[in-house]
Amino acid sequence: MEGEEPEQKKSKPSVRARANAIKPFVCRNLIAVIENPMDIKNIGTVIRNVNALGVEKVYVVDPRKTLPEDWQDMRERPSLSGTSVSAVKWSFVKRFDSTDDCFDHLEKKNFRSLVTSPHVKGKENVYLHEGDYTEHTKLAVWFGNESRGISDRAIERSDGCVAIPMFGMIESLNLGTSSGIVLYEVTKLRREYQSKYRKRDKRGERAVPLPTVMGREEARK
């Protein structure tokens, strides 16, 4: 009608606003490692899980050089962008030529490594729901090949093994499902810990704990 103000279109929330909203929920010093994946679609699925659950980084051991070296090139690759639902654009991904190269890099930066694997003799073994994933300030969680699982070399160099309890006739899960289950449990515990303490060993306790779950307003951003 004459004299009425034109209807204002709602502006889309900015990317920066969303980034600021999720920042407190990202699990610092937590890396998901995929060892020698055979299907690039599975890499995209894991990257999507990593981004959605607030894992800080993804490392990919890729001896076949399926992925480009440069992260920017990865972000622009349609096969990764599509299967990760564009999560690769918002996640840090780094590739390595071998398992040992990746372990060398992690150990140089004082990361400890857990591999997803059934019980292994001579290793510290724990079921997923029984683990303490806040014990180490810097933690890498490894996921193995779709058909062969984690390699013997990765198990040898790891600090322990974590297994998902299974109760069916089929005792295996695909890479996307297993990474989602494991990373959900790990991020839940680490987020609870970092909401209370600024440093390891329960030092630097916060006067007011950070939130561990987004409120409705933050989730909309």
Foldseek 3Di string as FASTA:
>chain_A
DPPDDPDDDDDADDPVLLCVLCVLLAQPQEEEEEEAEDDLLLVLLLLLLCQVNRYQAYEYQHQVCPDDQDLVRQLPDCSNCVSNVSSSVVHHYGYHNHPVVVLVVCVVVPEAEEEADPDDPPAAEEELVPDQLQQGSHYYYYWYYQPPINDPVNVVSHRHYYYHDDDDPDRDDGSSVVSNVNSNSNSLNSSQLVQQAVDGPRPRGDPGGDDNDDDPVSVSD
